Amino acid sequence: MNKVFNHRIYDLFNYSIILFLIGIVYSCQDKDLEIQQNFPFEVTVMPVPSEIKKNETVEIRISLETASTYSGTTYSIRYFQYEGKGKLQFYNDPPYLPNDEYALPQKQFRLYYTSESAESHHFLIWIKDSFGNERRIDFEFDNAD
């Protein structure tokens, strides 16, 4: 009788171990390790003048700030001019075309806006990351002439 009781406890223990291992394997297959890649960003712009003359260039310093960094994140920029006539460019690159999208190689950069008319200027800059997060920055310059 004692042998039968010990044999049943041994079988019960083996079945428990097998069920435990099946549970672990099943739970590992259902849930993959999630790595956060999408980190929304904020845009910081250094102060710029409120007035601009014809043929004058204004430097715009911009920083993109995130809570954490994912190396696969890319950023792009586009702009649209509502008032005035001018050109916006990244360092010495050719001027941006309105509403075309351009890659940003770094998170801290300088843009240069050059007035080509003696009137007020108003344009928007949109910065987007590869996860669809987008920020809008408005710029408005009065005529200084």
N, C-alpha and C. Protein backbone atom coordinates (compact mmCIF):
# COMPACT_ATOMS: atom_id res chain seq x y z
N MET A 1 0.81 -1.19 0.00
CA MET A 1 0.00 0.00 0.00
C MET A 1 0.86 1.25 0.00
N ASN A 2 1.90 1.20 0.79
CA ASN A 2 2.81 2.33 0.89
C ASN A 2 3.51 2.59 -0.44
N LYS A 3 3.84 1.48 -1.18
CA LYS A 3 4.51 1.63 -2.47
C LYS A 3 3.57 2.27 -3.50
N VAL A 4 2.32 1.89 -3.47
CA VAL A 4 1.34 2.43 -4.40
C VAL A 4 1.16 3.93 -4.13
N PHE A 5 1.08 4.31 -2.85
CA PHE A 5 0.92 5.71 -2.47
C PHE A 5 2.13 6.53 -2.91
N ASN A 6 3.33 6.01 -2.68
CA ASN A 6 4.56 6.70 -3.10
C ASN A 6 4.64 6.83 -4.63
N HIS A 7 4.20 5.78 -5.34
CA HIS A 7 4.23 5.80 -6.79
C HIS A 7 3.26 6.88 -7.33
N ARG A 8 2.08 7.03 -6.72
CA ARG A 8 1.11 8.05 -7.14
C ARG A 8 1.65 9.46 -6.88
N ILE A 9 2.29 9.66 -5.75
CA ILE A 9 2.88 10.97 -5.46
C ILE A 9 3.98 11.28 -6.46
N TYR A 10 4.78 10.29 -6.79
CA TYR A 10 5.85 10.47 -7.77
C TYR A 10 5.27 10.84 -9.14
N ASP A 11 4.20 10.12 -9.59
CA ASP A 11 3.55 10.43 -10.87
C ASP A 11 2.95 11.85 -10.86
N LEU A 12 2.29 12.21 -9.76
CA LEU A 12 1.70 13.52 -9.63
C LEU A 12 2.77 14.62 -9.71
N PHE A 13 3.89 14.38 -9.07
CA PHE A 13 5.00 15.32 -9.12
C PHE A 13 5.52 15.47 -10.55
N ASN A 14 5.69 14.38 -11.27
CA ASN A 14 6.17 14.42 -12.65
C ASN A 14 5.20 15.20 -13.55
N TYR A 15 3.88 14.92 -13.40
CA TYR A 15 2.89 15.64 -14.20
C TYR A 15 2.90 17.15 -13.88
N SER A 16 3.11 17.47 -12.62
CA SER A 16 3.17 18.88 -12.23
C SER A 16 4.35 19.57 -12.88
N ILE A 17 5.49 18.93 -12.89
CA ILE A 17 6.70 19.49 -13.52
C ILE A 17 6.46 19.68 -15.02
N ILE A 18 5.85 18.69 -15.67
CA ILE A 18 5.60 18.78 -17.12
C ILE A 18 4.65 19.94 -17.41
N LEU A 19 3.57 20.06 -16.63
CA LEU A 19 2.63 21.17 -16.84
C LEU A 19 3.29 22.52 -16.59
N PHE A 20 4.13 22.60 -15.60
CA PHE A 20 4.86 23.84 -15.30
C PHE A 20 5.75 24.23 -16.48
N LEU A 21 6.50 23.29 -17.02
CA LEU A 21 7.39 23.57 -18.15
C LEU A 21 6.60 23.96 -19.41
N ILE A 22 5.46 23.29 -19.64
CA ILE A 22 4.63 23.65 -20.80
C ILE A 22 4.11 25.08 -20.63
N GLY A 23 3.71 25.45 -19.43
CA GLY A 23 3.24 26.81 -19.15
C GLY A 23 4.31 27.85 -19.41
N ILE A 24 5.53 27.57 -19.01
CA ILE A 24 6.64 28.51 -19.24
C ILE A 24 6.90 28.66 -20.74
N VAL A 25 6.97 27.56 -21.46
CA VAL A 25 7.23 27.61 -22.90
C VAL A 25 6.10 28.37 -23.61
N TYR A 26 4.86 28.09 -23.25
CA TYR A 26 3.73 28.75 -23.88
C TYR A 26 3.72 30.25 -23.60
N SER A 27 4.01 30.65 -22.39
CA SER A 27 4.00 32.08 -22.05
C SER A 27 5.14 32.82 -22.74
N CYS A 28 6.26 32.19 -22.96
CA CYS A 28 7.38 32.84 -23.66
C CYS A 28 7.07 33.04 -25.14
N GLN A 29 6.28 32.15 -25.73
CA GLN A 29 5.94 32.30 -27.14
C GLN A 29 4.92 33.39 -27.36
N ASP A 30 4.04 33.63 -26.41
CA ASP A 30 2.99 34.62 -26.57
C ASP A 30 3.50 36.05 -26.45
N LYS A 31 4.44 36.26 -25.59
CA LYS A 31 4.88 37.62 -25.30
C LYS A 31 6.33 37.80 -25.70
N ASP A 32 6.53 38.53 -26.80
CA ASP A 32 7.90 38.87 -27.19
C ASP A 32 8.37 40.04 -26.35
N LEU A 33 9.65 40.15 -26.22
CA LEU A 33 10.22 41.26 -25.48
C LEU A 33 9.97 42.54 -26.27
N GLU A 34 9.31 43.52 -25.65
CA GLU A 34 9.00 44.76 -26.32
C GLU A 34 10.08 45.80 -26.01
N ILE A 35 10.63 46.37 -27.08
CA ILE A 35 11.64 47.41 -26.93
C ILE A 35 11.03 48.70 -27.45
N GLN A 36 11.01 49.72 -26.61
CA GLN A 36 10.43 50.99 -27.03
C GLN A 36 11.38 51.69 -27.98
N GLN A 37 10.83 52.09 -29.13
CA GLN A 37 11.62 52.79 -30.12
C GLN A 37 11.07 54.19 -30.39
N ASN A 38 9.79 54.36 -30.13
CA ASN A 38 9.10 55.60 -30.45
C ASN A 38 9.16 56.55 -29.25
N PHE A 39 10.01 57.56 -29.34
CA PHE A 39 10.15 58.56 -28.29
C PHE A 39 9.74 59.91 -28.85
N PRO A 40 8.55 60.41 -28.47
CA PRO A 40 8.14 61.74 -28.95
C PRO A 40 9.20 62.78 -28.60
N PHE A 41 9.25 63.83 -29.39
CA PHE A 41 10.29 64.84 -29.21
C PHE A 41 9.67 66.22 -29.04
N GLU A 42 10.44 67.11 -28.47
CA GLU A 42 10.08 68.51 -28.35
C GLU A 42 11.11 69.33 -29.12
N VAL A 43 10.70 70.50 -29.56
CA VAL A 43 11.58 71.37 -30.34
C VAL A 43 11.88 72.62 -29.52
N THR A 44 13.16 72.94 -29.41
CA THR A 44 13.59 74.16 -28.74
C THR A 44 14.23 75.07 -29.78
N VAL A 45 13.77 76.32 -29.82
CA VAL A 45 14.31 77.29 -30.78
C VAL A 45 14.89 78.46 -29.99
N MET A 46 16.13 78.81 -30.29
CA MET A 46 16.73 79.99 -29.68
C MET A 46 16.01 81.24 -30.20
N PRO A 47 15.98 82.31 -29.42
CA PRO A 47 15.28 83.54 -29.87
C PRO A 47 15.85 84.06 -31.19
N VAL A 48 14.94 84.59 -32.00
CA VAL A 48 15.31 85.19 -33.29
C VAL A 48 14.79 86.62 -33.33
N PRO A 49 15.36 87.48 -34.16
CA PRO A 49 14.87 88.86 -34.26
C PRO A 49 13.41 88.89 -34.74
N SER A 50 12.73 89.97 -34.44
CA SER A 50 11.34 90.09 -34.88
C SER A 50 11.23 90.86 -36.20
N GLU A 51 12.33 91.48 -36.62
CA GLU A 51 12.33 92.25 -37.87
C GLU A 51 13.46 91.78 -38.78
N ILE A 52 13.24 91.96 -40.09
CA ILE A 52 14.25 91.58 -41.07
C ILE A 52 14.19 92.56 -42.23
N LYS A 53 15.36 92.90 -42.78
CA LYS A 53 15.45 93.77 -43.95
C LYS A 53 15.59 92.91 -45.20
N LYS A 54 15.34 93.51 -46.34
CA LYS A 54 15.54 92.82 -47.60
C LYS A 54 17.01 92.42 -47.74
N ASN A 55 17.27 91.21 -48.17
CA ASN A 55 18.60 90.62 -48.35
C ASN A 55 19.31 90.33 -47.02
N GLU A 56 18.66 90.48 -45.90
CA GLU A 56 19.25 90.15 -44.59
C GLU A 56 19.01 88.66 -44.31
N THR A 57 19.98 88.05 -43.61
CA THR A 57 19.87 86.63 -43.24
C THR A 57 19.77 86.50 -41.73
N VAL A 58 18.84 85.67 -41.29
CA VAL A 58 18.63 85.40 -39.87
C VAL A 58 19.00 83.95 -39.59
N GLU A 59 19.77 83.73 -38.53
CA GLU A 59 20.13 82.38 -38.11
C GLU A 59 19.08 81.86 -37.15
N ILE A 60 18.63 80.64 -37.39
CA ILE A 60 17.63 79.99 -36.54
C ILE A 60 18.27 78.72 -35.97
N ARG A 61 18.50 78.70 -34.65
CA ARG A 61 19.11 77.54 -33.99
C ARG A 61 18.01 76.67 -33.39
N ILE A 62 18.02 75.39 -33.76
CA ILE A 62 16.98 74.46 -33.35
C ILE A 62 17.60 73.22 -32.71
N SER A 63 16.97 72.75 -31.63
CA SER A 63 17.37 71.51 -30.97
C SER A 63 16.14 70.62 -30.83
N LEU A 64 16.31 69.34 -31.14
CA LEU A 64 15.26 68.35 -30.94
C LEU A 64 15.59 67.59 -29.67
N GLU A 65 14.66 67.56 -28.73
CA GLU A 65 14.92 66.93 -27.44
C GLU A 65 13.95 65.77 -27.22
N THR A 66 14.50 64.62 -26.83
CA THR A 66 13.69 63.43 -26.54
C THR A 66 14.00 62.93 -25.14
N ALA A 67 13.05 62.20 -24.57
CA ALA A 67 13.25 61.63 -23.23
C ALA A 67 14.32 60.55 -23.26
N SER A 68 14.42 59.85 -24.35
CA SER A 68 15.43 58.81 -24.53
C SER A 68 15.77 58.76 -26.01
N THR A 69 16.75 57.97 -26.36
CA THR A 69 17.21 57.95 -27.74
C THR A 69 17.13 56.54 -28.31
N TYR A 70 16.65 56.44 -29.52
CA TYR A 70 16.69 55.20 -30.28
C TYR A 70 17.49 55.50 -31.54
N SER A 71 18.53 54.75 -31.78
CA SER A 71 19.46 55.08 -32.87
C SER A 71 18.82 54.97 -34.25
N GLY A 72 17.71 54.26 -34.37
CA GLY A 72 17.06 54.12 -35.67
C GLY A 72 16.13 55.26 -36.03
N THR A 73 15.93 56.21 -35.13
CA THR A 73 15.02 57.33 -35.41
C THR A 73 15.66 58.30 -36.39
N THR A 74 14.90 58.68 -37.40
CA THR A 74 15.36 59.69 -38.35
C THR A 74 14.40 60.87 -38.29
N TYR A 75 14.89 62.04 -38.65
CA TYR A 75 14.10 63.26 -38.61
C TYR A 75 14.13 63.91 -39.98
N SER A 76 13.02 64.58 -40.30
CA SER A 76 12.95 65.31 -41.57
C SER A 76 12.29 66.66 -41.32
N ILE A 77 12.49 67.56 -42.28
CA ILE A 77 11.98 68.93 -42.16
C ILE A 77 11.34 69.35 -43.47
N ARG A 78 10.31 70.17 -43.36
CA ARG A 78 9.71 70.82 -44.53
C ARG A 78 9.18 72.17 -44.07
N TYR A 79 8.99 73.07 -45.01
CA TYR A 79 8.48 74.39 -44.64
C TYR A 79 7.53 74.91 -45.70
N PHE A 80 6.71 75.86 -45.26
CA PHE A 80 5.77 76.50 -46.17
C PHE A 80 5.72 77.98 -45.85
N GLN A 81 5.87 78.82 -46.85
CA GLN A 81 5.88 80.27 -46.65
C GLN A 81 4.53 80.86 -47.02
N TYR A 82 3.93 81.58 -46.05
CA TYR A 82 2.62 82.21 -46.26
C TYR A 82 2.73 83.64 -46.76
N GLU A 83 3.68 84.37 -46.20
CA GLU A 83 3.83 85.80 -46.53
C GLU A 83 5.28 86.08 -46.85
N GLY A 84 5.48 87.06 -47.72
CA GLY A 84 6.84 87.48 -48.05
C GLY A 84 7.49 86.54 -49.03
N LYS A 85 8.73 86.89 -49.34
CA LYS A 85 9.52 86.05 -50.24
C LYS A 85 10.90 85.92 -49.64
N GLY A 86 11.36 84.69 -49.53
CA GLY A 86 12.67 84.45 -48.95
C GLY A 86 13.09 83.02 -49.20
N LYS A 87 14.26 82.68 -48.68
CA LYS A 87 14.74 81.31 -48.84
C LYS A 87 15.23 80.80 -47.49
N LEU A 88 14.98 79.53 -47.25
CA LEU A 88 15.39 78.85 -46.03
C LEU A 88 16.35 77.74 -46.42
N GLN A 89 17.47 77.67 -45.70
CA GLN A 89 18.44 76.63 -46.03
C GLN A 89 19.14 76.11 -44.78
N PHE A 90 19.67 74.92 -44.90
CA PHE A 90 20.43 74.24 -43.85
C PHE A 90 21.90 74.52 -44.13
N TYR A 91 22.57 75.24 -43.22
CA TYR A 91 23.98 75.62 -43.38
C TYR A 91 24.22 76.16 -44.79
N ASN A 92 25.14 75.53 -45.55
CA ASN A 92 25.47 75.99 -46.90
C ASN A 92 24.78 75.17 -47.99
N ASP A 93 23.83 74.32 -47.59
CA ASP A 93 23.10 73.51 -48.58
C ASP A 93 22.26 74.41 -49.48
N PRO A 94 21.83 73.89 -50.62
CA PRO A 94 20.91 74.66 -51.47
C PRO A 94 19.63 74.99 -50.70
N PRO A 95 18.97 76.09 -51.02
CA PRO A 95 17.73 76.46 -50.31
C PRO A 95 16.66 75.37 -50.43
N TYR A 96 15.87 75.24 -49.38
CA TYR A 96 14.76 74.30 -49.39
C TYR A 96 13.66 74.79 -50.33
N LEU A 97 12.99 73.86 -50.96
CA LEU A 97 11.81 74.18 -51.74
C LEU A 97 10.60 74.05 -50.82
N PRO A 98 9.65 74.97 -50.91
CA PRO A 98 8.49 74.90 -50.01
C PRO A 98 7.74 73.57 -50.13
N ASN A 99 7.41 73.03 -48.98
CA ASN A 99 6.62 71.81 -48.80
C ASN A 99 7.32 70.53 -49.26
N ASP A 100 8.59 70.59 -49.65
CA ASP A 100 9.36 69.38 -49.91
C ASP A 100 9.97 68.91 -48.60
N GLU A 101 10.17 67.60 -48.47
CA GLU A 101 10.71 67.05 -47.23
C GLU A 101 12.20 66.77 -47.39
N TYR A 102 12.98 67.16 -46.36
CA TYR A 102 14.43 67.00 -46.38
C TYR A 102 14.87 66.29 -45.10
N ALA A 103 15.84 65.40 -45.22
CA ALA A 103 16.37 64.68 -44.06
C ALA A 103 17.22 65.62 -43.20
N LEU A 104 17.09 65.46 -41.89
CA LEU A 104 17.93 66.20 -40.95
C LEU A 104 19.00 65.24 -40.43
N PRO A 105 20.27 65.55 -40.63
CA PRO A 105 21.33 64.62 -40.22
C PRO A 105 21.63 64.63 -38.72
N GLN A 106 21.15 65.63 -38.00
CA GLN A 106 21.45 65.72 -36.57
C GLN A 106 20.30 66.35 -35.82
N LYS A 107 20.33 66.25 -34.48
CA LYS A 107 19.24 66.78 -33.65
C LYS A 107 19.46 68.22 -33.22
N GLN A 108 20.64 68.76 -33.43
CA GLN A 108 20.91 70.17 -33.18
C GLN A 108 21.47 70.74 -34.48
N PHE A 109 20.82 71.80 -34.96
CA PHE A 109 21.22 72.33 -36.26
C PHE A 109 20.84 73.80 -36.36
N ARG A 110 21.31 74.41 -37.44
CA ARG A 110 21.02 75.82 -37.72
C ARG A 110 20.43 75.94 -39.11
N LEU A 111 19.39 76.73 -39.18
CA LEU A 111 18.79 77.09 -40.46
C LEU A 111 19.05 78.56 -40.70
N TYR A 112 19.08 78.95 -41.96
CA TYR A 112 19.29 80.36 -42.31
C TYR A 112 18.17 80.81 -43.23
N TYR A 113 17.48 81.86 -42.79
CA TYR A 113 16.41 82.43 -43.60
C TYR A 113 16.89 83.77 -44.15
N THR A 114 16.83 83.93 -45.48
CA THR A 114 17.25 85.17 -46.13
C THR A 114 16.03 85.81 -46.78
N SER A 115 15.78 87.06 -46.41
CA SER A 115 14.66 87.82 -46.97
C SER A 115 14.99 88.22 -48.40
N GLU A 116 14.00 88.06 -49.26
CA GLU A 116 14.17 88.49 -50.66
C GLU A 116 13.13 89.54 -51.04
N SER A 117 12.46 90.13 -50.03
CA SER A 117 11.47 91.17 -50.31
C SER A 117 11.38 92.13 -49.13
N ALA A 118 10.88 93.32 -49.39
CA ALA A 118 10.75 94.34 -48.36
C ALA A 118 9.33 94.34 -47.82
N GLU A 119 8.92 93.23 -47.25
CA GLU A 119 7.59 93.11 -46.64
C GLU A 119 7.70 92.15 -45.45
N SER A 120 6.62 91.96 -44.74
CA SER A 120 6.66 91.03 -43.61
C SER A 120 6.72 89.59 -44.14
N HIS A 121 7.26 88.72 -43.31
CA HIS A 121 7.47 87.32 -43.68
C HIS A 121 6.81 86.43 -42.64
N HIS A 122 6.13 85.38 -43.11
CA HIS A 122 5.53 84.41 -42.22
C HIS A 122 5.68 83.04 -42.86
N PHE A 123 6.32 82.11 -42.14
CA PHE A 123 6.46 80.75 -42.65
C PHE A 123 6.40 79.76 -41.49
N LEU A 124 6.08 78.52 -41.84
CA LEU A 124 5.99 77.42 -40.88
C LEU A 124 7.05 76.39 -41.19
N ILE A 125 7.58 75.80 -40.15
CA ILE A 125 8.50 74.68 -40.30
C ILE A 125 7.86 73.48 -39.62
N TRP A 126 7.85 72.36 -40.31
CA TRP A 126 7.36 71.10 -39.75
C TRP A 126 8.54 70.15 -39.62
N ILE A 127 8.70 69.58 -38.41
CA ILE A 127 9.75 68.58 -38.19
C ILE A 127 9.06 67.28 -37.81
N LYS A 128 9.44 66.21 -38.49
CA LYS A 128 8.79 64.91 -38.30
C LYS A 128 9.84 63.84 -38.04
N ASP A 129 9.51 62.88 -37.17
CA ASP A 129 10.41 61.74 -36.98
C ASP A 129 9.89 60.53 -37.76
N SER A 130 10.67 59.46 -37.78
CA SER A 130 10.32 58.28 -38.56
C SER A 130 9.13 57.52 -37.98
N PHE A 131 8.63 57.90 -36.82
CA PHE A 131 7.47 57.24 -36.21
C PHE A 131 6.19 58.06 -36.39
N GLY A 132 6.28 59.17 -37.12
CA GLY A 132 5.09 59.97 -37.40
C GLY A 132 4.85 61.10 -36.42
N ASN A 133 5.68 61.25 -35.39
CA ASN A 133 5.54 62.38 -34.48
C ASN A 133 5.95 63.64 -35.23
N GLU A 134 5.16 64.70 -35.09
CA GLU A 134 5.41 65.91 -35.87
C GLU A 134 5.24 67.14 -34.99
N ARG A 135 6.10 68.13 -35.19
CA ARG A 135 6.02 69.40 -34.47
C ARG A 135 6.05 70.54 -35.47
N ARG A 136 5.28 71.59 -35.17
CA ARG A 136 5.19 72.76 -36.04
C ARG A 136 5.78 73.96 -35.32
N ILE A 137 6.55 74.76 -36.05
CA ILE A 137 7.15 75.98 -35.52
C ILE A 137 6.76 77.11 -36.47
N ASP A 138 6.22 78.20 -35.91
CA ASP A 138 5.83 79.37 -36.70
C ASP A 138 6.91 80.45 -36.57
N PHE A 139 7.22 81.10 -37.69
CA PHE A 139 8.14 82.23 -37.70
C PHE A 139 7.47 83.40 -38.40
N GLU A 140 7.64 84.56 -37.80
CA GLU A 140 7.07 85.77 -38.38
C GLU A 140 8.08 86.91 -38.18
N PHE A 141 8.42 87.57 -39.29
CA PHE A 141 9.33 88.71 -39.25
C PHE A 141 8.64 89.92 -39.87
N ASP A 142 8.69 91.03 -39.19
CA ASP A 142 8.19 92.28 -39.75
C ASP A 142 9.27 92.90 -40.60
N ASN A 143 8.88 93.77 -41.52
CA ASN A 143 9.83 94.49 -42.36
C ASN A 143 10.57 95.52 -41.51
N ALA A 144 11.88 95.55 -41.62
CA ALA A 144 12.69 96.49 -40.83
C ALA A 144 13.04 97.74 -41.61
N ASP A 145 12.66 97.86 -42.85
CA ASP A 145 13.00 99.04 -43.66
C ASP A 145 12.13 100.22 -43.31
